[in-house]
Protein backbone atom coordinates (compact mmCIF):
# COMPACT_ATOMS: atom_id res chain seq x y z
CA MET A 1 0.00 0.00 0.00
CA THR A 2 1.55 3.28 -1.13
CA ASP A 3 0.01 5.27 1.74
CA GLU A 4 2.08 3.36 4.31
CA VAL A 5 5.09 5.23 5.69
CA VAL A 6 7.26 2.09 5.47
CA LEU A 7 6.74 -0.20 2.49
CA TYR A 8 7.58 -3.90 2.69
CA GLU A 9 8.39 -5.74 -0.53
CA ARG A 10 9.80 -9.19 -1.17
CA ARG A 11 12.23 -9.33 -4.07
CA GLY A 12 13.36 -12.94 -4.25
CA PRO A 13 15.60 -13.63 -1.26
CA ALA A 14 15.55 -9.99 -0.13
CA ALA A 15 13.03 -7.96 1.85
CA TRP A 16 13.08 -4.29 0.85
CA LEU A 17 11.97 -1.77 3.49
CA THR A 18 11.30 1.63 1.92
CA LEU A 19 10.86 4.82 3.96
CA ASN A 20 7.83 6.38 2.29
CA ARG A 21 7.42 10.07 3.11
CA PRO A 22 9.02 11.45 -0.06
CA ASP A 23 7.27 14.84 0.27
CA LYS A 24 9.09 15.24 3.63
CA LEU A 25 12.38 13.76 2.38
CA ASN A 26 11.43 10.65 4.36
CA ALA A 27 11.91 12.48 7.66
CA LEU A 28 11.73 9.99 10.51
CA ASN A 29 8.75 10.17 12.85
CA ARG A 30 6.97 7.83 15.26
CA GLU A 31 5.01 6.19 12.47
CA ILE A 32 8.15 5.38 10.51
CA VAL A 33 9.83 3.99 13.64
CA ALA A 34 6.81 1.73 14.22
CA GLY A 35 6.84 0.70 10.55
CA LEU A 36 10.51 -0.20 10.71
CA HIS A 37 9.92 -2.40 13.75
CA ALA A 38 7.07 -4.17 11.95
CA GLY A 39 9.07 -4.59 8.74
CA MET A 40 12.08 -6.04 10.54
CA ASP A 41 9.83 -8.45 12.42
CA MET A 42 8.31 -9.64 9.13
CA ALA A 43 11.70 -10.10 7.52
CA LEU A 44 13.06 -11.96 10.52
CA ALA A 45 10.07 -14.33 10.63
CA ASP A 46 10.39 -15.25 6.94
CA ASP A 47 13.08 -17.91 6.47
CA GLU A 48 13.02 -17.29 2.72
CA VAL A 49 14.44 -13.82 3.36
CA LYS A 50 18.24 -13.92 3.40
CA VAL A 51 18.95 -10.17 3.18
CA VAL A 52 17.12 -7.02 4.37
CA VAL A 53 17.50 -3.84 2.31
CA LEU A 54 16.66 -0.38 3.67
CA THR A 55 16.09 2.53 1.28
CA GLY A 56 14.02 5.69 0.81
CA ALA A 57 11.33 6.66 -1.68
CA GLY A 58 11.88 9.60 -4.00
CA LYS A 59 15.04 11.66 -4.14
CA ALA A 60 16.39 11.08 -0.62
CA PHE A 61 17.18 8.23 1.73
CA SER A 62 16.06 10.41 4.65
CA ALA A 63 16.76 13.88 6.02
CA GLY A 64 16.79 12.47 9.56
CA PHE A 65 14.37 12.88 12.42
CA ASP A 66 11.44 15.21 11.79
CA ILE A 67 12.50 18.42 13.57
CA SER A 68 9.13 20.09 12.99
CA ALA A 69 7.31 17.21 14.69
CA GLU A 70 9.67 17.29 17.67
CA ALA A 71 9.27 21.07 17.99
CA GLY A 72 5.50 20.71 17.87
CA GLU A 73 5.50 18.21 20.73
CA GLY A 74 7.21 20.69 23.04
CA ILE A 75 9.26 18.10 24.91
CA GLU A 76 10.89 19.64 27.99
CA GLY A 77 13.23 18.23 30.60
CA ALA A 78 15.94 15.59 30.43
CA TYR A 79 13.75 12.67 31.53
CA PRO A 80 11.02 13.15 28.85
CA TRP A 81 13.77 13.58 26.26
CA ARG A 82 15.45 10.38 27.43
CA GLU A 83 12.18 8.48 27.02
CA GLU A 84 11.71 9.83 23.50
CA LEU A 85 15.32 9.32 22.38
CA ALA A 86 15.37 5.76 23.77
CA LYS A 87 12.79 4.83 21.12
CA ASP A 88 15.14 6.10 18.39
CA VAL A 89 18.07 4.17 19.84
CA ASP A 90 15.93 1.04 20.11
CA VAL A 91 14.98 0.91 16.41
CA THR A 92 18.55 1.63 15.28
CA MET A 93 20.06 -1.05 17.51
CA LYS A 94 17.38 -3.54 16.46
CA LEU A 95 18.54 -3.01 12.87
CA TRP A 96 22.19 -3.23 13.98
CA SER A 97 21.69 -6.62 15.61
CA LEU A 98 19.15 -8.08 13.17
CA PRO A 99 20.45 -11.65 12.62
CA LYS A 100 20.40 -11.37 8.83
CA PRO A 101 22.68 -9.33 6.56
CA THR A 102 21.40 -5.80 5.97
CA ILE A 103 22.14 -3.32 3.18
CA ALA A 104 21.37 0.40 3.04
CA ALA A 105 20.66 1.70 -0.49
CA VAL A 106 21.29 5.44 -0.20
CA ARG A 107 20.43 8.21 -2.63
CA GLY A 108 20.28 11.93 -1.90
CA TRP A 109 20.32 13.14 1.69
CA CYS A 110 21.16 10.67 4.48
CA LEU A 111 21.40 12.79 7.61
CA GLY A 112 21.22 12.56 11.37
CA GLY A 113 19.20 9.62 12.64
CA ALA A 114 18.89 8.33 9.08
CA CYS A 115 22.67 8.23 8.77
CA GLU A 116 22.67 6.18 11.97
CA LEU A 117 20.16 3.75 10.44
CA ALA A 118 22.41 3.42 7.38
CA MET A 119 25.48 2.86 9.57
CA ALA A 120 23.54 0.22 11.50
CA CYS A 121 23.32 -1.78 8.28
CA ASP A 122 26.11 -4.23 7.44
CA LEU A 123 26.73 -2.69 4.01
CA ILE A 124 26.01 0.69 2.42
CA VAL A 125 25.70 1.24 -1.32
CA ALA A 126 25.41 4.93 -2.21
CA ALA A 127 24.34 6.63 -5.41
CA GLU A 128 26.55 9.33 -6.88
CA GLY A 129 25.63 12.68 -5.37
CA ALA A 130 24.38 11.24 -2.09
CA ARG A 131 25.43 13.12 1.03
CA LEU A 132 25.84 11.49 4.43
CA GLY A 133 26.48 13.02 7.83
CA GLU A 134 25.25 14.01 11.26
CA PRO A 135 24.80 17.82 11.38
CA GLU A 136 22.88 17.83 14.68
CA ILE A 137 25.48 20.00 16.45
CA ARG A 138 24.37 22.90 14.26
CA PHE A 139 21.09 23.14 16.13
CA GLY A 140 22.38 22.24 19.55
CA SER A 141 21.83 18.50 19.51
CA GLY A 142 23.94 15.45 18.74
CA PRO A 143 23.86 11.86 17.49
CA VAL A 144 21.46 9.72 19.49
CA THR A 145 22.96 6.32 18.63
CA LEU A 146 26.70 6.91 18.64
CA LEU A 147 27.79 4.45 15.95
CA MET A 148 30.09 6.66 13.90
CA PRO A 149 33.25 6.19 16.03
CA PHE A 150 32.99 2.44 15.44
CA VAL A 151 32.44 2.88 11.69
CA LEU A 152 34.91 5.67 10.86
CA GLY A 153 37.33 5.82 13.76
CA GLN A 154 38.21 8.68 16.06
CA LYS A 155 39.69 11.47 13.94
CA LYS A 156 37.18 11.57 11.08
CA THR A 157 34.29 11.17 13.50
CA ASN A 158 35.60 14.07 15.60
CA GLU A 159 35.79 16.28 12.50
CA LEU A 160 32.28 15.47 11.29
CA LEU A 161 30.56 15.72 14.67
CA PHE A 162 32.28 18.96 15.72
CA THR A 163 31.63 20.71 12.38
CA GLY A 164 28.35 19.16 11.30
CA ASP A 165 29.83 18.70 7.83
CA THR A 166 28.49 16.07 5.46
CA LEU A 167 30.37 13.75 3.10
CA GLU A 168 29.61 13.38 -0.59
CA ALA A 169 29.27 9.73 -1.63
CA GLY A 170 32.79 9.50 -3.09
CA GLU A 171 34.33 11.04 0.05
CA ALA A 172 32.27 8.67 2.18
CA GLU A 173 33.58 5.69 0.24
CA ARG A 174 37.20 6.82 0.64
CA ALA A 175 36.63 7.36 4.37
CA GLY A 176 35.18 3.86 4.75
CA LEU A 177 31.62 4.94 5.54
CA VAL A 178 30.15 3.26 2.45
CA ASN A 179 31.13 0.13 0.55
CA ARG A 180 30.66 1.36 -2.99
CA VAL A 181 29.30 4.23 -5.06
CA VAL A 182 27.34 3.74 -8.28
CA PRO A 183 25.37 5.92 -10.70
CA VAL A 184 21.93 6.66 -9.30
CA GLU A 185 20.18 4.69 -12.03
CA GLU A 186 22.26 1.62 -11.11
CA LEU A 187 21.68 1.74 -7.34
CA GLU A 188 19.04 -0.98 -7.06
CA ALA A 189 20.86 -3.22 -9.53
CA ALA A 190 24.09 -2.89 -7.52
CA VAL A 191 22.25 -3.81 -4.33
CA GLY A 192 20.61 -6.71 -6.16
CA GLU A 193 24.02 -8.01 -7.19
CA LEU A 194 25.17 -8.03 -3.54
CA VAL A 195 21.98 -9.86 -2.59
CA ARG A 196 22.71 -12.41 -5.34
CA LYS A 197 26.16 -13.08 -3.89
CA ILE A 198 24.92 -13.39 -0.31
CA ALA A 199 21.72 -15.40 -0.84
CA PRO A 200 23.21 -18.82 -1.76
CA THR A 201 24.67 -19.15 1.74
CA PRO A 202 22.40 -21.12 4.10
CA LEU A 203 20.47 -18.96 6.54
CA PRO A 204 21.97 -20.53 9.72
CA VAL A 205 25.46 -19.70 8.43
CA LEU A 206 24.44 -16.11 7.66
CA ARG A 207 22.86 -15.77 11.10
CA LEU A 208 25.92 -17.07 12.95
CA THR A 209 28.27 -14.90 10.88
CA LYS A 210 26.16 -11.82 11.64
CA ILE A 211 26.13 -12.67 15.34
CA ALA A 212 29.92 -13.06 15.35
CA LEU A 213 30.40 -9.69 13.62
CA THR A 214 28.10 -7.79 15.98
CA ARG A 215 29.66 -9.43 19.02
CA ALA A 216 33.11 -8.32 17.88
CA TYR A 217 32.05 -4.66 17.95
CA GLU A 218 30.11 -5.09 21.16
CA ALA A 219 33.23 -6.54 22.77
CA MET A 220 34.89 -3.22 21.91
CA GLY A 221 32.24 -1.44 23.95
CA LEU A 222 29.73 -0.39 21.28
CA ARG A 223 26.60 -1.09 23.33
CA GLN A 224 28.07 0.56 26.41
CA ALA A 225 28.95 3.65 24.36
CA VAL A 226 25.43 3.80 22.92
CA ALA A 227 23.86 3.47 26.38
CA LEU A 228 26.05 6.18 27.90
CA ASN A 229 25.40 8.48 24.95
CA LEU A 230 21.65 8.21 25.47
CA GLU A 231 22.00 9.88 28.86
CA ASN A 232 24.24 12.56 27.38
CA SER A 233 21.83 13.20 24.49
CA ALA A 234 18.91 13.71 26.86
CA ILE A 235 20.89 16.39 28.73
CA LEU A 236 22.17 17.95 25.50
CA ASN A 237 18.64 18.48 24.22
CA THR A 238 17.82 20.59 27.30
CA VAL A 239 20.86 22.92 27.25
CA ASP A 240 18.67 25.79 25.93
CA THR A 241 21.33 28.02 24.36
CA PRO A 242 20.48 31.43 22.84
CA GLU A 243 21.04 29.87 19.41
CA GLN A 244 18.51 27.12 20.11
CA ARG A 245 15.97 29.70 21.30
CA GLU A 246 16.48 31.77 18.15
CA PHE A 247 16.13 28.69 15.94
CA ASN A 248 12.87 27.79 17.69
CA ARG A 249 11.58 31.36 17.43
CA ILE A 250 12.22 31.51 13.69
CA ALA A 251 10.69 28.06 13.20
CA LYS A 252 7.55 29.13 15.06
CA GLU A 253 7.18 32.50 13.35
CA GLN A 254 8.52 31.83 9.83
CA GLY A 255 8.55 28.06 9.45
CA LEU A 256 11.14 25.30 9.61
CA LYS A 257 12.69 26.10 6.23
CA ALA A 258 13.56 29.64 7.37
CA ALA A 259 14.99 28.31 10.64
CA LEU A 260 17.20 25.83 8.79
CA ALA A 261 18.40 28.58 6.44
CA TRP A 262 19.29 30.77 9.44
CA ARG A 263 21.10 27.87 11.09
CA ASP A 264 23.16 26.95 8.05
CA ALA A 265 23.98 30.57 7.19
CA ARG A 266 25.87 30.72 10.49
CA TYR A 267 28.19 28.03 9.12
CA GLY A 268 28.57 29.57 5.69
CA GLU A 269 26.75 26.86 3.76
CA ALA A 270 23.37 25.32 3.14
CA LEU A 271 22.58 21.69 3.88
CA GLY A 272 19.20 21.75 2.14
């Protein structure tokens, strides 16, 4: 059904989960989070599914969590923020530990919480022109599920999270954030080729290999880092700086687009 915010489609041995709010650049909201949980449950229950693919409808993977929805809810205080952010961490870590190989097929913007979903996948295939990053620091927030240090390493992560810069697909490939970059019209075919190479392996072998890989990172402290960062993120979202107040004022009076333009003008560039 095209009116669903997360579409589920079987393509041979793969289950494709498609974020389906193209008019909002697939911005993540509570409905999408619920749809992702349901889609992952369906894929996990189907033993004919060997690979799960996550992508976005339209011209973007996802612009990240829906800032306008969060602003409208008027969440205040560290504890309410922790409760809300824990739901975001939960869906990302469920994808991270899903006991089947996962692939993110990324075109266009892949920002914030959406970049975390992509990083939670085992492989990322990006279309030329895609941009990935976590610009949350530019409006006084930060990554909720702190996966980037484990994907990119310390120095590049520090640069991206302090500046809020994004990486073009080719840069992301060279940095090790994505596996390969292909022309946009070849994105689904490239993902299909990876599925073709993975699918002949028996499901129990794929499951055990995935478990071994996730345990290796968790032995390095990944889950502990994510848990500690949740507490930090809840506090960070209540800092209430003058810049945050101005962003919220502009968003309320002139709309989110004007607030984002004001935010990015402070950094000398536009993120879209």
